[in-house]
Protein backbone atom coordinates (compact mmCIF):
# COMPACT_ATOMS: atom_id res chain seq x y z
CA UNK A 1 11.11 3.41 12.57
CA UNK A 2 10.44 4.41 16.20
CA UNK A 3 14.15 4.96 16.83
CA UNK A 4 14.51 7.13 13.75
CA UNK A 5 11.50 9.19 14.75
CA UNK A 6 12.84 9.62 18.28
CA UNK A 7 16.22 10.77 16.84
CA UNK A 8 14.51 13.11 14.43
CA UNK A 9 11.87 14.77 16.68
CA UNK A 10 12.72 13.62 20.22
CA UNK A 11 9.34 11.93 20.88
CA UNK A 12 9.01 8.40 22.15
CA UNK A 13 6.62 6.34 20.01
CA UNK A 14 4.48 3.41 21.35
CA UNK A 15 5.30 0.57 19.01
CA UNK A 16 3.32 -2.71 18.67
CA UNK A 17 4.98 -5.64 17.08
CA UNK A 18 2.06 -8.04 16.93
CA UNK A 19 0.45 -9.48 13.92
CA UNK A 20 -2.51 -7.44 12.71
CA UNK A 21 -5.39 -9.23 11.14
CA UNK A 22 -9.00 -8.11 10.24
CA UNK A 23 -10.20 -10.23 13.25
CA UNK A 24 -7.97 -8.43 15.84
CA UNK A 25 -7.79 -4.91 14.39
CA UNK A 26 -10.16 -3.42 17.05
CA UNK A 27 -8.25 -5.01 19.92
CA UNK A 28 -4.79 -4.04 18.54
CA UNK A 29 -5.65 -0.45 17.63
CA UNK A 30 -7.96 0.66 20.47
CA UNK A 31 -6.95 3.97 22.04
CA UNK A 32 -4.92 4.87 18.99
CA UNK A 33 -4.93 8.56 17.98
CA UNK A 34 -2.76 8.36 14.78
CA UNK A 35 -1.91 5.36 12.65
CA UNK A 36 1.32 5.19 10.59
CA UNK A 37 1.03 2.15 8.26
CA UNK A 38 4.09 0.76 6.70
CA UNK A 39 2.74 -2.76 6.15
CA UNK A 40 3.97 -4.80 3.17
CA UNK A 41 0.88 -6.72 2.76
CA UNK A 42 -2.55 -5.77 1.38
CA UNK A 43 -4.58 -7.65 4.12
CA UNK A 44 -3.10 -5.70 7.05
CA UNK A 45 -3.14 -2.44 5.08
CA UNK A 46 -6.79 -2.91 4.30
CA UNK A 47 -7.67 -3.70 7.88
CA UNK A 48 -5.93 -0.49 9.05
CA UNK A 49 -7.71 1.61 6.38
CA UNK A 50 -11.11 0.13 7.29
CA UNK A 51 -10.50 0.81 11.05
CA UNK A 52 -9.24 4.41 10.41
CA UNK A 53 -12.35 5.10 8.23
CA UNK A 54 -14.72 3.61 10.72
CA UNK A 55 -13.39 5.63 13.69
CA UNK A 56 -12.41 8.76 11.73
CA UNK A 57 -8.69 8.45 12.62
CA UNK A 58 -5.86 10.09 10.80
CA UNK A 59 -3.84 7.43 8.91
CA UNK A 60 -0.59 7.73 7.07
CA UNK A 61 0.20 4.89 4.56
CA UNK A 62 3.77 4.69 3.29
CA UNK A 63 5.38 2.15 0.96
CA UNK A 64 8.62 1.60 -0.82
CA UNK A 65 9.56 -0.65 -3.62
CA UNK A 66 13.09 -0.66 -5.08
CA UNK A 67 13.54 2.98 -6.25
CA UNK A 68 9.86 3.95 -5.88
CA UNK A 69 8.13 5.31 -2.73
CA UNK A 70 4.67 6.56 -2.03
CA UNK A 71 2.97 8.17 0.98
CA UNK A 72 -0.83 8.56 1.16
């Protein structure tokens, strides 16, 4: 995803590839200004949503299943 965005808009994206859980959300997402969530599990997605709501951060949720996609 980061490579695709770089090719599309020419901006380097800071990517984290660590497991996100409700217990480590604050540590993993500190200093974040925008969240782009493409998780495939409801636990991580809910943790991101709760964090974004708590700190009033913009958050883009995207999902894809077979021939159906959704962005919130």
